[in-house]
Amino acid sequence: MKGTKQAFLILLLLISLISLKAQVGLNSGSKIETPPEYYLKVKQFGEFIDRFNYTSDWKGQLITDEFSQRVPRAGYLKFLINAEDSRLNNPADSSYRLLCNRFIDFAIAPENPQKINLYQGQVRAWVKVRIVFAGKEHLVDIEMLPEVLPDRSAKWSINKVVTDCFSSVTDSMASHFIAPNSHETGFINLNKLNGTSNPAYFLSRGLATDPTLLFVTEVAENRLKVKTIEQLVYFITFPGYEITVEEFNRDFSNSGWIISNIVAVTQ
């Protein structure tokens, strides 16, 4: 995006113009100046949504007319894009810069400004999780979706698990099964389910080898333990676009939860 670093410097200047430098008392006799980077860093994903939606300023306060005059939404959105992306700084290829500009123009269009709503099917999260299963550590990718319940409360739900650590299930299905002539006995041998170590073995092959079902089954049987969260990435969809949001931990202002990628998608 042309001028991304220039916009970064302008925003730093604007911080001083709108007096974002606060004074924090350490004790009765000393004070320390809070650096502007503290305010500019997008510290939480919810904060990213509020900034993208242009509802809160750098200090988490509602955006005022004075703020919007000094920092229009287009400039505010540019600051939410990873300024260190090599595609933005490649003089030989302007395609990604142009795409970012088109997305920003789309997002701020007066006739239909774009917002992020966490509970309207726009947002999904992919979590890379380290687990312990069968005495070994594995990395598992879990897709999480925000879900609204009938009572209008909300929660995050596991939608999909992607892993290859359950490869032994196919072999187990060969020794745990309902015999092919079971219809002749009215399927009385369904009592094999009683006391089985893993009832998923008796499901159809498609279900029995489904990593999501096996994951929750192994957790329920206390054979699988979640150890650590290794990575978290959010994907947010708009008509014609999808953005990726990741956390960048670094010591300057364009950091925290910001946009790492923008792609155009077909409807």
Protein backbone atom coordinates (compact mmCIF):
# COMPACT_ATOMS: atom_id res chain seq x y z
CA MET A 1 0.00 0.00 0.00
CA LYS A 2 1.58 3.21 -1.13
CA GLY A 3 2.31 5.56 1.69
CA THR A 4 1.74 3.01 4.49
CA LYS A 5 4.89 4.04 6.33
CA GLN A 6 4.07 7.68 5.71
CA ALA A 7 0.65 7.11 7.22
CA PHE A 8 2.36 5.50 10.19
CA LEU A 9 4.46 8.61 10.78
CA ILE A 10 1.46 10.88 10.34
CA LEU A 11 -0.49 8.90 12.90
CA LEU A 12 2.37 9.24 15.37
CA LEU A 13 2.22 12.99 14.86
CA LEU A 14 -1.52 12.97 15.36
CA ILE A 15 -1.07 11.28 18.68
CA SER A 16 0.71 14.31 19.99
CA LEU A 17 -1.87 16.62 18.42
CA ILE A 18 -4.74 14.94 20.21
CA SER A 19 -2.77 14.56 23.44
CA LEU A 20 -2.66 10.82 23.73
CA LYS A 21 0.46 10.98 25.87
CA ALA A 22 -0.81 10.27 29.37
CA GLN A 23 0.83 10.63 32.74
CA VAL A 24 0.82 7.55 34.97
CA GLY A 25 1.76 8.02 38.62
CA LEU A 26 4.16 5.43 40.00
CA ASN A 27 4.12 6.85 43.51
CA SER A 28 3.45 10.15 45.23
CA GLY A 29 6.80 11.56 44.18
CA SER A 30 7.33 10.31 40.61
CA LYS A 31 5.56 10.06 37.27
CA ILE A 32 6.42 8.35 34.00
CA GLU A 33 5.23 9.27 30.54
CA THR A 34 3.22 6.51 28.87
CA PRO A 35 4.71 5.91 25.39
CA PRO A 36 2.39 6.40 22.40
CA GLU A 37 3.11 2.82 21.29
CA TYR A 38 1.12 1.56 24.27
CA TYR A 39 -2.04 3.17 22.95
CA LEU A 40 -1.44 2.37 19.30
CA LYS A 41 -0.81 -1.34 19.84
CA VAL A 42 -3.96 -3.40 19.27
CA LYS A 43 -3.82 -5.41 22.45
CA GLN A 44 -6.90 -7.63 22.04
CA PHE A 45 -8.98 -8.99 19.16
CA GLY A 46 -12.06 -7.20 20.49
CA GLU A 47 -10.07 -3.97 20.33
CA PHE A 48 -9.27 -4.73 16.69
CA ILE A 49 -12.99 -5.08 15.93
CA ASP A 50 -13.78 -1.77 17.66
CA ARG A 51 -11.05 0.03 15.73
CA PHE A 52 -12.05 -1.55 12.41
CA ASN A 53 -15.68 -0.58 13.07
CA TYR A 54 -14.47 2.94 13.85
CA THR A 55 -16.21 2.99 17.22
CA SER A 56 -13.24 3.47 19.54
CA ASP A 57 -10.04 5.52 19.45
CA TRP A 58 -6.54 4.48 20.55
CA LYS A 59 -7.47 4.84 24.21
CA GLY A 60 -10.62 2.74 23.88
CA GLN A 61 -12.92 5.74 24.10
CA LEU A 62 -15.77 6.46 21.72
CA ILE A 63 -14.62 8.24 18.59
CA THR A 64 -15.51 11.92 18.68
CA ASP A 65 -16.06 14.37 15.85
CA GLU A 66 -12.69 15.92 16.68
CA PHE A 67 -10.95 12.55 16.37
CA SER A 68 -12.68 11.68 13.09
CA GLN A 69 -11.64 15.04 11.63
CA ARG A 70 -8.02 14.45 12.57
CA VAL A 71 -7.95 10.73 11.75
CA PRO A 72 -10.41 9.75 8.98
CA ARG A 73 -11.47 6.12 8.91
CA ALA A 74 -9.38 5.36 5.81
CA GLY A 75 -6.17 6.31 7.62
CA TYR A 76 -7.30 4.47 10.74
CA LEU A 77 -7.85 1.27 8.71
CA LYS A 78 -4.45 1.57 7.02
CA PHE A 79 -2.84 1.49 10.42
CA LEU A 80 -4.55 -1.87 11.09
CA ILE A 81 -2.63 -3.49 8.22
CA ASN A 82 0.80 -5.00 8.88
CA ALA A 83 3.18 -2.28 7.72
CA GLU A 84 6.11 -4.73 7.66
CA ASP A 85 4.52 -6.90 4.97
CA SER A 86 7.12 -7.20 2.19
CA ARG A 87 4.35 -7.04 -0.41
CA LEU A 88 3.61 -3.46 0.62
CA ASN A 89 7.23 -2.43 0.21
CA ASN A 90 8.01 -4.20 -3.06
CA PRO A 91 8.51 -1.53 -5.77
CA ALA A 92 8.38 -4.19 -8.48
CA ASP A 93 4.88 -5.39 -7.62
CA SER A 94 2.05 -3.11 -6.56
CA SER A 95 -0.76 -5.70 -6.72
CA TYR A 96 -1.11 -6.19 -2.96
CA ARG A 97 -0.93 -2.45 -2.29
CA LEU A 98 -3.71 -1.89 -4.81
CA LEU A 99 -5.76 -4.69 -3.27
CA CYS A 100 -5.41 -3.14 0.19
CA ASN A 101 -6.49 0.23 -1.16
CA ARG A 102 -9.50 -1.30 -2.89
CA PHE A 103 -10.51 -3.07 0.31
CA ILE A 104 -10.27 0.14 2.34
CA ASP A 105 -12.34 2.02 -0.25
CA PHE A 106 -14.88 -0.79 -0.08
CA ALA A 107 -14.94 -0.73 3.74
CA ILE A 108 -15.52 3.02 4.05
CA ALA A 109 -17.98 3.40 1.14
CA PRO A 110 -20.57 5.93 2.41
CA GLU A 111 -23.49 4.02 0.89
CA ASN A 112 -22.57 0.77 2.65
CA PRO A 113 -19.78 1.07 5.25
CA GLN A 114 -18.51 -2.30 6.40
CA LYS A 115 -18.54 -3.47 10.01
CA ILE A 116 -17.41 -6.64 11.76
CA ASN A 117 -20.10 -8.45 13.74
CA LEU A 118 -18.71 -11.30 15.79
CA TYR A 119 -22.00 -13.20 15.87
CA GLN A 120 -23.27 -13.01 12.29
CA GLY A 121 -21.13 -15.67 10.63
CA GLN A 122 -18.30 -13.34 9.60
CA VAL A 123 -15.63 -14.52 11.99
CA ARG A 124 -13.91 -17.83 12.52
CA ALA A 125 -10.77 -18.66 14.46
CA TRP A 126 -8.19 -21.36 13.82
CA VAL A 127 -6.27 -22.46 16.90
CA LYS A 128 -3.12 -24.56 16.69
CA VAL A 129 -3.09 -26.70 19.82
CA ARG A 130 -0.41 -28.98 21.22
CA ILE A 131 -1.97 -32.13 22.65
CA VAL A 132 -0.78 -35.34 24.29
CA PHE A 133 -2.35 -38.48 22.83
CA ALA A 134 -1.17 -42.09 23.06
CA GLY A 135 1.91 -40.93 24.94
CA LYS A 136 3.05 -38.55 22.22
CA GLU A 137 2.71 -34.85 21.51
CA HIS A 138 0.84 -33.75 18.40
CA LEU A 139 -0.18 -30.43 16.85
CA VAL A 140 -3.89 -30.16 16.12
CA ASP A 141 -5.70 -27.41 14.19
CA ILE A 142 -9.11 -26.53 15.64
CA GLU A 143 -11.64 -24.27 13.93
CA MET A 144 -13.67 -22.25 16.41
CA LEU A 145 -16.93 -20.45 15.59
CA PRO A 146 -18.83 -17.92 17.69
CA GLU A 147 -22.37 -19.15 18.25
CA VAL A 148 -25.53 -17.48 19.54
CA LEU A 149 -27.74 -19.73 21.68
CA PRO A 150 -31.57 -19.69 21.74
CA ASP A 151 -31.55 -17.62 24.93
CA ARG A 152 -29.41 -15.04 23.06
CA SER A 153 -26.30 -15.82 25.08
CA ALA A 154 -23.17 -16.58 23.11
CA LYS A 155 -20.22 -18.96 23.15
CA TRP A 156 -17.32 -20.20 21.02
CA SER A 157 -17.85 -23.72 19.67
CA ILE A 158 -15.50 -26.28 18.15
CA ASN A 159 -16.53 -26.65 14.51
CA LYS A 160 -13.73 -28.75 13.04
CA VAL A 161 -10.57 -30.56 14.12
CA VAL A 162 -7.79 -31.27 11.61
CA THR A 163 -5.12 -33.80 12.60
CA ASP A 164 -3.57 -37.07 11.46
CA CYS A 165 -2.90 -38.46 14.93
CA PHE A 166 -5.86 -40.91 14.83
CA SER A 167 -4.49 -43.14 12.07
CA SER A 168 -4.85 -46.25 14.29
CA VAL A 169 -8.64 -46.05 14.17
CA THR A 170 -8.86 -47.77 10.78
CA ASP A 171 -7.08 -50.85 12.13
CA SER A 172 -9.33 -50.93 15.17
CA MET A 173 -12.43 -50.87 12.96
CA ALA A 174 -11.30 -54.19 11.49
CA SER A 175 -11.62 -55.90 14.88
CA HIS A 176 -14.53 -53.93 16.35
CA PHE A 177 -17.56 -54.17 14.08
CA ILE A 178 -21.17 -55.26 13.74
CA ALA A 179 -21.24 -58.49 11.70
CA PRO A 180 -22.63 -58.32 8.13
CA ASN A 181 -25.46 -60.77 8.92
CA SER A 182 -26.62 -58.84 12.00
CA HIS A 183 -29.92 -57.99 10.33
CA GLU A 184 -30.86 -61.67 10.69
CA THR A 185 -30.79 -61.36 14.48
CA GLY A 186 -32.52 -57.99 14.64
CA PHE A 187 -29.19 -56.27 15.35
CA ILE A 188 -29.14 -57.72 18.86
CA ASN A 189 -25.34 -57.50 18.77
CA LEU A 190 -25.58 -53.75 19.12
CA ASN A 191 -24.96 -54.63 22.77
CA LYS A 192 -21.30 -54.67 21.74
CA LEU A 193 -21.45 -50.93 22.34
CA ASN A 194 -21.73 -51.61 26.07
CA GLY A 195 -18.32 -51.21 27.62
CA THR A 196 -16.47 -50.61 24.35
CA SER A 197 -13.34 -48.49 24.65
CA ASN A 198 -14.34 -46.35 21.69
CA PRO A 199 -17.90 -46.51 20.26
CA ALA A 200 -16.67 -44.58 17.21
CA TYR A 201 -15.26 -47.88 15.88
CA PHE A 202 -18.82 -49.03 15.12
CA LEU A 203 -19.77 -45.97 13.12
CA SER A 204 -19.64 -45.74 9.34
CA ARG A 205 -16.15 -45.29 7.99
CA GLY A 206 -16.75 -41.62 7.22
CA LEU A 207 -17.83 -40.87 10.78
CA ALA A 208 -15.45 -43.27 12.51
CA THR A 209 -12.41 -41.65 10.94
CA ASP A 210 -13.64 -38.08 11.35
CA PRO A 211 -10.96 -36.22 13.38
CA THR A 212 -13.50 -33.92 15.04
CA LEU A 213 -15.57 -36.80 16.42
CA LEU A 214 -12.48 -38.75 17.44
CA PHE A 215 -11.03 -35.71 19.18
CA VAL A 216 -14.05 -35.20 21.45
CA THR A 217 -14.34 -38.97 22.02
CA GLU A 218 -10.73 -39.26 23.15
CA VAL A 219 -11.12 -36.21 25.39
CA ALA A 220 -14.24 -37.75 26.96
CA GLU A 221 -12.34 -40.99 27.63
CA ASN A 222 -9.48 -39.02 29.21
CA ARG A 223 -7.03 -40.37 26.64
CA LEU A 224 -6.26 -36.99 25.13
CA LYS A 225 -5.05 -33.90 26.94
CA VAL A 226 -4.80 -30.34 25.66
CA LYS A 227 -1.37 -29.02 26.58
CA THR A 228 -0.72 -25.56 25.11
CA ILE A 229 -2.08 -23.09 22.57
CA GLU A 230 0.63 -22.52 19.96
CA GLN A 231 -1.01 -20.12 17.51
CA LEU A 232 -4.25 -18.25 16.92
CA VAL A 233 -5.44 -16.79 13.61
CA TYR A 234 -8.76 -15.10 12.82
CA PHE A 235 -10.45 -15.04 9.42
CA ILE A 236 -13.11 -12.42 8.72
CA THR A 237 -15.24 -12.42 5.59
CA PHE A 238 -16.90 -9.54 3.75
CA PRO A 239 -18.70 -9.49 0.41
CA GLY A 240 -15.86 -10.08 -2.03
CA TYR A 241 -13.04 -10.11 0.53
CA GLU A 242 -11.51 -12.10 3.35
CA ILE A 243 -8.98 -10.71 5.82
CA THR A 244 -6.64 -12.56 8.14
CA VAL A 245 -5.84 -11.15 11.58
CA GLU A 246 -2.82 -12.28 13.56
CA GLU A 247 -0.87 -11.02 16.55
CA PHE A 248 2.48 -9.34 15.92
CA ASN A 249 4.50 -8.88 19.10
CA ARG A 250 7.06 -6.16 18.44
CA ASP A 251 8.25 -2.96 20.01
CA PHE A 252 6.81 -0.37 17.67
CA SER A 253 3.34 0.99 17.15
CA ASN A 254 2.05 -1.07 14.23
CA SER A 255 1.71 -4.21 16.34
CA GLY A 256 -0.69 -6.43 18.22
CA TRP A 257 -3.76 -7.86 16.48
CA ILE A 258 -3.59 -6.48 12.95
CA ILE A 259 -4.34 -7.60 9.40
CA SER A 260 -1.72 -9.97 7.99
CA ASN A 261 -3.45 -10.69 4.70
CA ILE A 262 -6.27 -9.51 2.45
CA VAL A 263 -7.62 -11.61 -0.40
CA ALA A 264 -10.35 -11.03 -2.95
CA VAL A 265 -12.88 -13.88 -3.04
CA THR A 266 -15.57 -14.79 -5.54
CA GLN A 267 -19.17 -14.77 -4.42
